[in-house]
Amino acid sequence: MHELGVVIEVVHSVEYFAKENGLTKIDTLVLQIGELSSMVPQYIEACYPAATDGTLLQDTKLKIEILPGNAICQKCTQVFNLIENHGKCPTCASEEWELLCGKEFIIKEVIAC
């Protein structure tokens, strides 16, 4: 499970951000995870308490927003969700597409108390 290592790095980044901005207490950390990324949201949630134990984020809430894995069809320019449509354009059935989003892993927001 590589999620633990990633979450530990997120914690370090947020702690650095908090220190640089004079934050002493954080209420919520919001992450955005693309549905095509290599991160599994359930694993992120499961390892979050261990990664934050003894840190500034120890008592924070974790909120995860899932970003869709969208593509644009190269033939008809239809934007569609790759997972829902099994990699085929729902309009013309083409499998020629360009990925628009869905591989992200972003620290979206740090909400201070």
PDB file of N, CA and C in Angstrom:
ATOM      1  N   MET A   1       0.850  -1.176   0.000  1.00  0.00           N
ATOM      2  CA  MET A   1       0.000   0.000   0.000  1.00  0.00           C
ATOM      3  C   MET A   1       0.898   1.243   0.000  1.00  0.00           C
ATOM      4  N   HIS A   2       1.008   1.895  -1.141  1.00  0.00           N
ATOM      5  CA  HIS A   2       1.840   3.097  -1.256  1.00  0.00           C
ATOM      6  C   HIS A   2       1.135   4.340  -0.741  1.00  0.00           C
ATOM      7  N   GLU A   3      -0.154   4.231  -0.465  1.00  0.00           N
ATOM      8  CA  GLU A   3      -0.916   5.382   0.011  1.00  0.00           C
ATOM      9  C   GLU A   3      -0.358   5.949   1.315  1.00  0.00           C
ATOM     10  N   LEU A   4       0.114   5.094   2.212  1.00  0.00           N
ATOM     11  CA  LEU A   4       0.642   5.583   3.486  1.00  0.00           C
ATOM     12  C   LEU A   4       1.810   6.536   3.268  1.00  0.00           C
ATOM     13  N   GLY A   5       2.740   6.159   2.422  1.00  0.00           N
ATOM     14  CA  GLY A   5       3.880   7.030   2.129  1.00  0.00           C
ATOM     15  C   GLY A   5       3.450   8.349   1.521  1.00  0.00           C
ATOM     16  N   VAL A   6       2.467   8.299   0.654  1.00  0.00           N
ATOM     17  CA  VAL A   6       1.960   9.520   0.018  1.00  0.00           C
ATOM     18  C   VAL A   6       1.289  10.411   1.058  1.00  0.00           C
ATOM     19  N   VAL A   7       0.486   9.818   1.935  1.00  0.00           N
ATOM     20  CA  VAL A   7      -0.206  10.611   2.954  1.00  0.00           C
ATOM     21  C   VAL A   7       0.801  11.219   3.931  1.00  0.00           C
ATOM     22  N   ILE A   8       1.847  10.499   4.263  1.00  0.00           N
ATOM     23  CA  ILE A   8       2.888  11.057   5.133  1.00  0.00           C
ATOM     24  C   ILE A   8       3.522  12.284   4.478  1.00  0.00           C
ATOM     25  N   GLU A   9       3.775  12.232   3.175  1.00  0.00           N
ATOM     26  CA  GLU A   9       4.320  13.395   2.454  1.00  0.00           C
ATOM     27  C   GLU A   9       3.325  14.551   2.425  1.00  0.00           C
ATOM     28  N   VAL A  10       2.040  14.245   2.283  1.00  0.00           N
ATOM     29  CA  VAL A  10       1.000  15.279   2.329  1.00  0.00           C
ATOM     30  C   VAL A  10       1.027  15.960   3.693  1.00  0.00           C
ATOM     31  N   VAL A  11       1.122  15.168   4.752  1.00  0.00           N
ATOM     32  CA  VAL A  11       1.171  15.720   6.104  1.00  0.00           C
ATOM     33  C   VAL A  11       2.374  16.650   6.254  1.00  0.00           C
ATOM     34  N   HIS A  12       3.531  16.233   5.762  1.00  0.00           N
ATOM     35  CA  HIS A  12       4.723  17.093   5.831  1.00  0.00           C
ATOM     36  C   HIS A  12       4.491  18.405   5.074  1.00  0.00           C
ATOM     37  N   SER A  13       3.893  18.313   3.898  1.00  0.00           N
ATOM     38  CA  SER A  13       3.624  19.516   3.094  1.00  0.00           C
ATOM     39  C   SER A  13       2.664  20.457   3.805  1.00  0.00           C
ATOM     40  N   VAL A  14       1.617  19.898   4.387  1.00  0.00           N
ATOM     41  CA  VAL A  14       0.622  20.729   5.077  1.00  0.00           C
ATOM     42  C   VAL A  14       1.226  21.336   6.342  1.00  0.00           C
ATOM     43  N   GLU A  15       2.044  20.580   7.060  1.00  0.00           N
ATOM     44  CA  GLU A  15       2.697  21.132   8.246  1.00  0.00           C
ATOM     45  C   GLU A  15       3.625  22.292   7.859  1.00  0.00           C
ATOM     46  N   TYR A  16       4.356  22.135   6.764  1.00  0.00           N
ATOM     47  CA  TYR A  16       5.225  23.215   6.286  1.00  0.00           C
ATOM     48  C   TYR A  16       4.389  24.443   5.927  1.00  0.00           C
ATOM     49  N   PHE A  17       3.294  24.224   5.202  1.00  0.00           N
ATOM     50  CA  PHE A  17       2.387  25.309   4.825  1.00  0.00           C
ATOM     51  C   PHE A  17       1.854  26.011   6.071  1.00  0.00           C
ATOM     52  N   ALA A  18       1.434  25.226   7.055  1.00  0.00           N
ATOM     53  CA  ALA A  18       0.884  25.799   8.286  1.00  0.00           C
ATOM     54  C   ALA A  18       1.925  26.644   8.999  1.00  0.00           C
ATOM     55  N   LYS A  19       3.146  26.145   9.096  1.00  0.00           N
ATOM     56  CA  LYS A  19       4.224  26.878   9.763  1.00  0.00           C
ATOM     57  C   LYS A  19       4.513  28.191   9.038  1.00  0.00           C
ATOM     58  N   GLU A  20       4.596  28.125   7.708  1.00  0.00           N
ATOM     59  CA  GLU A  20       4.887  29.320   6.914  1.00  0.00           C
ATOM     60  C   GLU A  20       3.783  30.371   7.003  1.00  0.00           C
ATOM     61  N   ASN A  21       2.565  29.928   7.304  1.00  0.00           N
ATOM     62  CA  ASN A  21       1.427  30.845   7.345  1.00  0.00           C
ATOM     63  C   ASN A  21       0.903  31.105   8.753  1.00  0.00           C
ATOM     64  N   GLY A  22       1.645  30.666   9.757  1.00  0.00           N
ATOM     65  CA  GLY A  22       1.279  30.942  11.139  1.00  0.00           C
ATOM     66  C   GLY A  22       0.040  30.219  11.634  1.00  0.00           C
ATOM     67  N   LEU A  23      -0.280  29.102  11.049  1.00  0.00           N
ATOM     68  CA  LEU A  23      -1.447  28.336  11.495  1.00  0.00           C
ATOM     69  C   LEU A  23      -1.037  27.405  12.633  1.00  0.00           C
ATOM     70  N   THR A  24      -1.814  27.407  13.699  1.00  0.00           N
ATOM     71  CA  THR A  24      -1.499  26.542  14.834  1.00  0.00           C
ATOM     72  C   THR A  24      -2.509  25.412  15.000  1.00  0.00           C
ATOM     73  N   LYS A  25      -3.662  25.543  14.360  1.00  0.00           N
ATOM     74  CA  LYS A  25      -4.679  24.493  14.447  1.00  0.00           C
ATOM     75  C   LYS A  25      -5.387  24.380  13.108  1.00  0.00           C
ATOM     76  N   ILE A  26      -5.503  23.149  12.637  1.00  0.00           N
ATOM     77  CA  ILE A  26      -6.188  22.877  11.371  1.00  0.00           C
ATOM     78  C   ILE A  26      -7.410  22.026  11.665  1.00  0.00           C
ATOM     79  N   ASP A  27      -8.527  22.411  11.067  1.00  0.00           N
ATOM     80  CA  ASP A  27      -9.774  21.670  11.277  1.00  0.00           C
ATOM     81  C   ASP A  27      -9.951  20.565  10.235  1.00  0.00           C
ATOM     82  N   THR A  28      -9.750  20.910   8.954  1.00  0.00           N
ATOM     83  CA  THR A  28     -10.055  19.972   7.875  1.00  0.00           C
ATOM     84  C   THR A  28      -9.002  20.066   6.773  1.00  0.00           C
ATOM     85  N   LEU A  29      -8.672  18.909   6.231  1.00  0.00           N
ATOM     86  CA  LEU A  29      -7.809  18.822   5.055  1.00  0.00           C
ATOM     87  C   LEU A  29      -8.653  18.251   3.929  1.00  0.00           C
ATOM     88  N   VAL A  30      -8.667  18.963   2.796  1.00  0.00           N
ATOM     89  CA  VAL A  30      -9.447  18.506   1.647  1.00  0.00           C
ATOM     90  C   VAL A  30      -8.497  18.063   0.534  1.00  0.00           C
ATOM     91  N   LEU A  31      -8.649  16.818   0.109  1.00  0.00           N
ATOM     92  CA  LEU A  31      -7.859  16.275  -0.995  1.00  0.00           C
ATOM     93  C   LEU A  31      -8.774  16.014  -2.185  1.00  0.00           C
ATOM     94  N   GLN A  32      -8.247  16.223  -3.377  1.00  0.00           N
ATOM     95  CA  GLN A  32      -8.944  15.837  -4.603  1.00  0.00           C
ATOM     96  C   GLN A  32      -8.165  14.680  -5.223  1.00  0.00           C
ATOM     97  N   ILE A  33      -8.885  13.606  -5.518  1.00  0.00           N
ATOM     98  CA  ILE A  33      -8.263  12.417  -6.084  1.00  0.00           C
ATOM     99  C   ILE A  33      -9.004  12.031  -7.355  1.00  0.00           C
ATOM    100  N   GLY A  34      -8.269  11.942  -8.452  1.00  0.00           N
ATOM    101  CA  GLY A  34      -8.870  11.536  -9.718  1.00  0.00           C
ATOM    102  C   GLY A  34      -9.198  10.055  -9.700  1.00  0.00           C
ATOM    103  N   GLU A  35     -10.337   9.705 -10.310  1.00  0.00           N
ATOM    104  CA  GLU A  35     -10.746   8.305 -10.290  1.00  0.00           C
ATOM    105  C   GLU A  35      -9.853   7.417 -11.156  1.00  0.00           C
ATOM    106  N   LEU A  36      -8.952   8.009 -11.931  1.00  0.00           N
ATOM    107  CA  LEU A  36      -7.998   7.231 -12.722  1.00  0.00           C
ATOM    108  C   LEU A  36      -6.590   7.272 -12.111  1.00  0.00           C
ATOM    109  N   SER A  37      -6.452   7.907 -10.948  1.00  0.00           N
ATOM    110  CA  SER A  37      -5.138   7.979 -10.318  1.00  0.00           C
ATOM    111  C   SER A  37      -4.804   6.631  -9.685  1.00  0.00           C
ATOM    112  N   SER A  38      -3.580   6.505  -9.240  1.00  0.00           N
ATOM    113  CA  SER A  38      -3.166   5.256  -8.598  1.00  0.00           C
ATOM    114  C   SER A  38      -3.510   5.238  -7.110  1.00  0.00           C
ATOM    115  N   MET A  39      -4.139   6.294  -6.618  1.00  0.00           N
ATOM    116  CA  MET A  39      -4.511   6.378  -5.204  1.00  0.00           C
ATOM    117  C   MET A  39      -5.910   5.812  -4.992  1.00  0.00           C
ATOM    118  N   VAL A  40      -6.063   5.009  -3.963  1.00  0.00           N
ATOM    119  CA  VAL A  40      -7.370   4.436  -3.618  1.00  0.00           C
ATOM    120  C   VAL A  40      -7.912   5.229  -2.427  1.00  0.00           C
ATOM    121  N   PRO A  41      -9.002   5.977  -2.628  1.00  0.00           N
ATOM    122  CA  PRO A  41      -9.523   6.829  -1.550  1.00  0.00           C
ATOM    123  C   PRO A  41      -9.768   6.095  -0.231  1.00  0.00           C
ATOM    124  N   GLN A  42     -10.272   4.883  -0.281  1.00  0.00           N
ATOM    125  CA  GLN A  42     -10.531   4.131   0.947  1.00  0.00           C
ATOM    126  C   GLN A  42      -9.227   3.851   1.703  1.00  0.00           C
ATOM    127  N   TYR A  43      -8.146   3.604   0.974  1.00  0.00           N
ATOM    128  CA  TYR A  43      -6.856   3.365   1.615  1.00  0.00           C
ATOM    129  C   TYR A  43      -6.293   4.654   2.204  1.00  0.00           C
ATOM    130  N   ILE A  44      -6.516   5.761   1.510  1.00  0.00           N
ATOM    131  CA  ILE A  44      -6.089   7.064   2.025  1.00  0.00           C
ATOM    132  C   ILE A  44      -6.788   7.320   3.359  1.00  0.00           C
ATOM    133  N   GLU A  45      -8.101   7.105   3.392  1.00  0.00           N
ATOM    134  CA  GLU A  45      -8.866   7.303   4.621  1.00  0.00           C
ATOM    135  C   GLU A  45      -8.398   6.358   5.724  1.00  0.00           C
ATOM    136  N   ALA A  46      -8.103   5.122   5.368  1.00  0.00           N
ATOM    137  CA  ALA A  46      -7.697   4.121   6.359  1.00  0.00           C
ATOM    138  C   ALA A  46      -6.346   4.449   6.991  1.00  0.00           C
ATOM    139  N   CYS A  47      -5.411   4.961   6.209  1.00  0.00           N
ATOM    140  CA  CYS A  47      -4.070   5.214   6.754  1.00  0.00           C
ATOM    141  C   CYS A  47      -3.908   6.636   7.282  1.00  0.00           C
ATOM    142  N   TYR A  48      -4.879   7.497   7.071  1.00  0.00           N
ATOM    143  CA  TYR A  48      -4.783   8.891   7.525  1.00  0.00           C
ATOM    144  C   TYR A  48      -4.522   9.016   9.030  1.00  0.00           C
ATOM    145  N   PRO A  49      -5.242   8.285   9.883  1.00  0.00           N
ATOM    146  CA  PRO A  49      -4.964   8.409  11.321  1.00  0.00           C
ATOM    147  C   PRO A  49      -3.522   8.050  11.687  1.00  0.00           C
ATOM    148  N   ALA A  50      -2.974   7.024  11.088  1.00  0.00           N
ATOM    149  CA  ALA A  50      -1.590   6.628  11.380  1.00  0.00           C
ATOM    150  C   ALA A  50      -0.608   7.678  10.880  1.00  0.00           C
ATOM    151  N   ALA A  51      -0.875   8.247   9.724  1.00  0.00           N
ATOM    152  CA  ALA A  51       0.033   9.244   9.136  1.00  0.00           C
ATOM    153  C   ALA A  51       0.011  10.558   9.901  1.00  0.00           C
ATOM    154  N   THR A  52      -1.104  10.871  10.544  1.00  0.00           N
ATOM    155  CA  THR A  52      -1.223  12.146  11.243  1.00  0.00           C
ATOM    156  C   THR A  52      -0.944  12.040  12.739  1.00  0.00           C
ATOM    157  N   ASP A  53      -0.799  10.841  13.247  1.00  0.00           N
ATOM    158  CA  ASP A  53      -0.568  10.638  14.685  1.00  0.00           C
ATOM    159  C   ASP A  53       0.672  11.410  15.144  1.00  0.00           C
ATOM    160  N   GLY A  54       0.476  12.245  16.156  1.00  0.00           N
ATOM    161  CA  GLY A  54       1.587  13.022  16.707  1.00  0.00           C
ATOM    162  C   GLY A  54       1.969  14.247  15.900  1.00  0.00           C
ATOM    163  N   THR A  55       1.170  14.602  14.916  1.00  0.00           N
ATOM    164  CA  THR A  55       1.454  15.770  14.075  1.00  0.00           C
ATOM    165  C   THR A  55       0.417  16.865  14.308  1.00  0.00           C
ATOM    166  N   LEU A  56       0.615  17.994  13.672  1.00  0.00           N
ATOM    167  CA  LEU A  56      -0.344  19.094  13.728  1.00  0.00           C
ATOM    168  C   LEU A  56      -1.707  18.678  13.180  1.00  0.00           C
ATOM    169  N   LEU A  57      -1.738  17.676  12.329  1.00  0.00           N
ATOM    170  CA  LEU A  57      -2.981  17.236  11.706  1.00  0.00           C
ATOM    171  C   LEU A  57      -3.671  16.100  12.463  1.00  0.00           C
ATOM    172  N   GLN A  58      -3.170  15.768  13.633  1.00  0.00           N
ATOM    173  CA  GLN A  58      -3.665  14.612  14.371  1.00  0.00           C
ATOM    174  C   GLN A  58      -5.177  14.619  14.573  1.00  0.00           C
ATOM    175  N   ASP A  59      -5.764  15.745  14.888  1.00  0.00           N
ATOM    176  CA  ASP A  59      -7.194  15.796  15.170  1.00  0.00           C
ATOM    177  C   ASP A  59      -8.014  16.391  14.032  1.00  0.00           C
ATOM    178  N   THR A  60      -7.445  16.420  12.847  1.00  0.00           N
ATOM    179  CA  THR A  60      -8.158  17.029  11.719  1.00  0.00           C
ATOM    180  C   THR A  60      -9.117  16.048  11.065  1.00  0.00           C
ATOM    181  N   LYS A  61     -10.072  16.629  10.354  1.00  0.00           N
ATOM    182  CA  LYS A  61     -10.978  15.827   9.527  1.00  0.00           C
ATOM    183  C   LYS A  61     -10.370  15.747   8.127  1.00  0.00           C
ATOM    184  N   LEU A  62     -10.578  14.630   7.486  1.00  0.00           N
ATOM    185  CA  LEU A  62     -10.131  14.445   6.104  1.00  0.00           C
ATOM    186  C   LEU A  62     -11.354  14.398   5.208  1.00  0.00           C
ATOM    187  N   LYS A  63     -11.343  15.226   4.193  1.00  0.00           N
ATOM    188  CA  LYS A  63     -12.427  15.206   3.204  1.00  0.00           C
ATOM    189  C   LYS A  63     -11.793  14.885   1.859  1.00  0.00           C
ATOM    190  N   ILE A  64     -12.372  13.919   1.156  1.00  0.00           N
ATOM    191  CA  ILE A  64     -11.851  13.536  -0.160  1.00  0.00           C
ATOM    192  C   ILE A  64     -12.918  13.804  -1.210  1.00  0.00           C
ATOM    193  N   GLU A  65     -12.516  14.520  -2.247  1.00  0.00           N
ATOM    194  CA  GLU A  65     -13.388  14.774  -3.398  1.00  0.00           C
ATOM    195  C   GLU A  65     -12.848  13.951  -4.564  1.00  0.00           C
ATOM    196  N   ILE A  66     -13.720  13.188  -5.189  1.00  0.00           N
ATOM    197  CA  ILE A  66     -13.324  12.361  -6.330  1.00  0.00           C
ATOM    198  C   ILE A  66     -13.538  13.157  -7.616  1.00  0.00           C
ATOM    199  N   LEU A  67     -12.475  13.245  -8.417  1.00  0.00           N
ATOM    200  CA  LEU A  67     -12.563  13.940  -9.706  1.00  0.00           C
ATOM    201  C   LEU A  67     -12.789  12.904 -10.803  1.00  0.00           C
ATOM    202  N   PRO A  68     -13.703  13.175 -11.719  1.00  0.00           N
ATOM    203  CA  PRO A  68     -14.026  12.192 -12.761  1.00  0.00           C
ATOM    204  C   PRO A  68     -12.893  11.994 -13.762  1.00  0.00           C
ATOM    205  N   GLY A  69     -12.846  10.803 -14.313  1.00  0.00           N
ATOM    206  CA  GLY A  69     -11.884  10.476 -15.366  1.00  0.00           C
ATOM    207  C   GLY A  69     -12.514  10.771 -16.718  1.00  0.00           C
ATOM    208  N   ASN A  70     -12.407  12.011 -17.152  1.00  0.00           N
ATOM    209  CA  ASN A  70     -13.055  12.436 -18.395  1.00  0.00           C
ATOM    210  C   ASN A  70     -12.076  12.513 -19.566  1.00  0.00           C
ATOM    211  N   ALA A  71     -12.602  12.256 -20.730  1.00  0.00           N
ATOM    212  CA  ALA A  71     -11.829  12.337 -21.974  1.00  0.00           C
ATOM    213  C   ALA A  71     -12.663  13.060 -23.019  1.00  0.00           C
ATOM    214  N   ILE A  72     -11.982  13.492 -24.074  1.00  0.00           N
ATOM    215  CA  ILE A  72     -12.685  14.093 -25.210  1.00  0.00           C
ATOM    216  C   ILE A  72     -12.436  13.205 -26.423  1.00  0.00           C
ATOM    217  N   CYS A  73     -13.497  12.905 -27.122  1.00  0.00           N
ATOM    218  CA  CYS A  73     -13.409  12.054 -28.302  1.00  0.00           C
ATOM    219  C   CYS A  73     -12.693  12.802 -29.425  1.00  0.00           C
ATOM    220  N   GLN A  74     -11.737  12.128 -30.065  1.00  0.00           N
ATOM    221  CA  GLN A  74     -10.987  12.730 -31.167  1.00  0.00           C
ATOM    222  C   GLN A  74     -11.813  12.800 -32.452  1.00  0.00           C
ATOM    223  N   LYS A  75     -12.866  12.015 -32.532  1.00  0.00           N
ATOM    224  CA  LYS A  75     -13.682  12.004 -33.762  1.00  0.00           C
ATOM    225  C   LYS A  75     -14.831  13.000 -33.708  1.00  0.00           C
ATOM    226  N   CYS A  76     -15.581  13.006 -32.572  1.00  0.00           N
ATOM    227  CA  CYS A  76     -16.786  13.849 -32.532  1.00  0.00           C
ATOM    228  C   CYS A  76     -16.743  14.952 -31.469  1.00  0.00           C
ATOM    229  N   THR A  77     -15.667  15.055 -30.715  1.00  0.00           N
ATOM    230  CA  THR A  77     -15.426  16.046 -29.664  1.00  0.00           C
ATOM    231  C   THR A  77     -16.371  15.939 -28.457  1.00  0.00           C
ATOM    232  N   GLN A  78     -17.016  14.817 -28.298  1.00  0.00           N
ATOM    233  CA  GLN A  78     -17.863  14.593 -27.128  1.00  0.00           C
ATOM    234  C   GLN A  78     -16.981  14.388 -25.896  1.00  0.00           C
ATOM    235  N   VAL A  79     -17.306  15.066 -24.794  1.00  0.00           N
ATOM    236  CA  VAL A  79     -16.618  14.836 -23.528  1.00  0.00           C
ATOM    237  C   VAL A  79     -17.394  13.760 -22.779  1.00  0.00           C
ATOM    238  N   PHE A  80     -16.678  12.753 -22.276  1.00  0.00           N
ATOM    239  CA  PHE A  80     -17.355  11.638 -21.615  1.00  0.00           C
ATOM    240  C   PHE A  80     -16.488  11.051 -20.516  1.00  0.00           C
ATOM    241  N   ASN A  81     -17.128  10.304 -19.615  1.00  0.00           N
ATOM    242  CA  ASN A  81     -16.426   9.622 -18.530  1.00  0.00           C
ATOM    243  C   ASN A  81     -15.925   8.276 -19.038  1.00  0.00           C
ATOM    244  N   LEU A  82     -14.613   8.073 -18.900  1.00  0.00           N
ATOM    245  CA  LEU A  82     -13.991   6.845 -19.412  1.00  0.00           C
ATOM    246  C   LEU A  82     -14.480   5.592 -18.705  1.00  0.00           C
ATOM    247  N   ILE A  83     -14.625   5.660 -17.404  1.00  0.00           N
ATOM    248  CA  ILE A  83     -15.039   4.472 -16.649  1.00  0.00           C
ATOM    249  C   ILE A  83     -16.483   4.104 -16.963  1.00  0.00           C
ATOM    250  N   GLU A  84     -17.363   5.072 -16.894  1.00  0.00           N
ATOM    251  CA  GLU A  84     -18.785   4.809 -17.160  1.00  0.00           C
ATOM    252  C   GLU A  84     -19.019   4.282 -18.570  1.00  0.00           C
ATOM    253  N   ASN A  85     -18.172   4.691 -19.502  1.00  0.00           N
ATOM    254  CA  ASN A  85     -18.377   4.319 -20.901  1.00  0.00           C
ATOM    255  C   ASN A  85     -17.355   3.299 -21.399  1.00  0.00           C
ATOM    256  N   HIS A  86     -16.626   2.685 -20.479  1.00  0.00           N
ATOM    257  CA  HIS A  86     -15.682   1.603 -20.796  1.00  0.00           C
ATOM    258  C   HIS A  86     -14.684   1.982 -21.890  1.00  0.00           C
ATOM    259  N   GLY A  87     -14.233   3.252 -21.866  1.00  0.00           N
ATOM    260  CA  GLY A  87     -13.207   3.716 -22.788  1.00  0.00           C
ATOM    261  C   GLY A  87     -13.690   3.988 -24.207  1.00  0.00           C
ATOM    262  N   LYS A  88     -15.010   3.988 -24.407  1.00  0.00           N
ATOM    263  CA  LYS A  88     -15.563   4.266 -25.738  1.00  0.00           C
ATOM    264  C   LYS A  88     -16.468   5.486 -25.680  1.00  0.00           C
ATOM    265  N   CYS A  89     -16.399   6.293 -26.701  1.00  0.00           N
ATOM    266  CA  CYS A  89     -17.271   7.464 -26.793  1.00  0.00           C
ATOM    267  C   CYS A  89     -18.727   6.997 -26.851  1.00  0.00           C
ATOM    268  N   PRO A  90     -19.595   7.545 -25.996  1.00  0.00           N
ATOM    269  CA  PRO A  90     -20.998   7.134 -26.021  1.00  0.00           C
ATOM    270  C   PRO A  90     -21.765   7.649 -27.240  1.00  0.00           C
ATOM    271  N   THR A  91     -21.186   8.619 -27.930  1.00  0.00           N
ATOM    272  CA  THR A  91     -21.858   9.189 -29.095  1.00  0.00           C
ATOM    273  C   THR A  91     -21.520   8.445 -30.377  1.00  0.00           C
ATOM    274  N   CYS A  92     -20.221   8.179 -30.602  1.00  0.00           N
ATOM    275  CA  CYS A  92     -19.813   7.568 -31.875  1.00  0.00           C
ATOM    276  C   CYS A  92     -19.084   6.226 -31.709  1.00  0.00           C
ATOM    277  N   ALA A  93     -18.907   5.783 -30.469  1.00  0.00           N
ATOM    278  CA  ALA A  93     -18.251   4.503 -30.141  1.00  0.00           C
ATOM    279  C   ALA A  93     -16.755   4.471 -30.464  1.00  0.00           C
ATOM    280  N   SER A  94     -16.177   5.603 -30.739  1.00  0.00           N
ATOM    281  CA  SER A  94     -14.747   5.653 -31.017  1.00  0.00           C
ATOM    282  C   SER A  94     -13.939   5.377 -29.752  1.00  0.00           C
ATOM    283  N   GLU A  95     -12.802   4.754 -29.923  1.00  0.00           N
ATOM    284  CA  GLU A  95     -11.877   4.530 -28.817  1.00  0.00           C
ATOM    285  C   GLU A  95     -10.672   5.461 -28.932  1.00  0.00           C
ATOM    286  N   GLU A  96     -10.780   6.455 -29.779  1.00  0.00           N
ATOM    287  CA  GLU A  96      -9.724   7.459 -29.941  1.00  0.00           C
ATOM    288  C   GLU A  96     -10.135   8.697 -29.154  1.00  0.00           C
ATOM    289  N   TRP A  97      -9.454   8.907 -28.034  1.00  0.00           N
ATOM    290  CA  TRP A  97      -9.792  10.006 -27.151  1.00  0.00           C
ATOM    291  C   TRP A  97      -8.538  10.574 -26.521  1.00  0.00           C
ATOM    292  N   GLU A  98      -8.694  11.774 -25.940  1.00  0.00           N
ATOM    293  CA  GLU A  98      -7.611  12.432 -25.211  1.00  0.00           C
ATOM    294  C   GLU A  98      -8.077  12.630 -23.775  1.00  0.00           C
ATOM    295  N   LEU A  99      -7.253  12.255 -22.832  1.00  0.00           N
ATOM    296  CA  LEU A  99      -7.593  12.386 -21.419  1.00  0.00           C
ATOM    297  C   LEU A  99      -7.637  13.860 -21.024  1.00  0.00           C
ATOM    298  N   LEU A 100      -8.698  14.261 -20.357  1.00  0.00           N
ATOM    299  CA  LEU A 100      -8.842  15.640 -19.880  1.00  0.00           C
ATOM    300  C   LEU A 100      -8.536  15.746 -18.387  1.00  0.00           C
ATOM    301  N   CYS A 101      -9.025  14.802 -17.618  1.00  0.00           N
ATOM    302  CA  CYS A 101      -8.814  14.839 -16.174  1.00  0.00           C
ATOM    303  C   CYS A 101      -9.104  13.466 -15.571  1.00  0.00           C
ATOM    304  N   GLY A 102      -8.625  13.291 -14.340  1.00  0.00           N
ATOM    305  CA  GLY A 102      -8.914  12.053 -13.642  1.00  0.00           C
ATOM    306  C   GLY A 102      -7.702  11.391 -13.016  1.00  0.00           C
ATOM    307  N   LYS A 103      -6.496  11.925 -13.281  1.00  0.00           N
ATOM    308  CA  LYS A 103      -5.285  11.345 -12.691  1.00  0.00           C
ATOM    309  C   LYS A 103      -4.720  12.215 -11.564  1.00  0.00           C
ATOM    310  N   GLU A 104      -5.480  13.236 -11.173  1.00  0.00           N
ATOM    311  CA  GLU A 104      -4.994  14.202 -10.193  1.00  0.00           C
ATOM    312  C   GLU A 104      -4.907  13.613  -8.777  1.00  0.00           C
ATOM    313  N   PHE A 105      -4.011  14.199  -8.013  1.00  0.00           N
ATOM    314  CA  PHE A 105      -3.936  14.011  -6.568  1.00  0.00           C
ATOM    315  C   PHE A 105      -3.513  15.366  -6.031  1.00  0.00           C
ATOM    316  N   ILE A 106      -4.458  16.101  -5.454  1.00  0.00           N
ATOM    317  CA  ILE A 106      -4.238  17.521  -5.124  1.00  0.00           C
ATOM    318  C   ILE A 106      -4.619  17.811  -3.678  1.00  0.00           C
ATOM    319  N   ILE A 107      -3.785  18.570  -3.007  1.00  0.00           N
ATOM    320  CA  ILE A 107      -4.186  19.152  -1.726  1.00  0.00           C
ATOM    321  C   ILE A 107      -5.007  20.378  -2.100  1.00  0.00           C
ATOM    322  N   LYS A 108      -6.298  20.268  -1.986  1.00  0.00           N
ATOM    323  CA  LYS A 108      -7.181  21.351  -2.443  1.00  0.00           C
ATOM    324  C   LYS A 108      -7.290  22.473  -1.417  1.00  0.00           C
ATOM    325  N   GLU A 109      -7.432  22.078  -0.146  1.00  0.00           N
ATOM    326  CA  GLU A 109      -7.745  23.112   0.842  1.00  0.00           C
ATOM    327  C   GLU A 109      -7.280  22.677   2.231  1.00  0.00           C
ATOM    328  N   VAL A 110      -6.773  23.635   2.970  1.00  0.00           N
ATOM    329  CA  VAL A 110      -6.431  23.454   4.381  1.00  0.00           C
ATOM    330  C   VAL A 110      -7.312  24.442   5.134  1.00  0.00           C
ATOM    331  N   ILE A 111      -8.239  23.926   5.924  1.00  0.00           N
ATOM    332  CA  ILE A 111      -9.177  24.777   6.647  1.00  0.00           C
ATOM    333  C   ILE A 111      -8.716  24.902   8.093  1.00  0.00           C
ATOM    334  N   ALA A 112      -8.360  26.119   8.469  1.00  0.00           N
ATOM    335  CA  ALA A 112      -7.908  26.390   9.831  1.00  0.00           C
ATOM    336  C   ALA A 112      -9.095  26.639  10.748  1.00  0.00           C
ATOM    337  N   CYS A 113      -8.864  26.442  12.037  1.00  0.00           N
ATOM    338  CA  CYS A 113      -9.915  26.719  13.039  1.00  0.00           C
ATOM    339  C   CYS A 113      -9.992  28.189  13.325  1.00  0.00           C
TER     340      CYS A 113
END
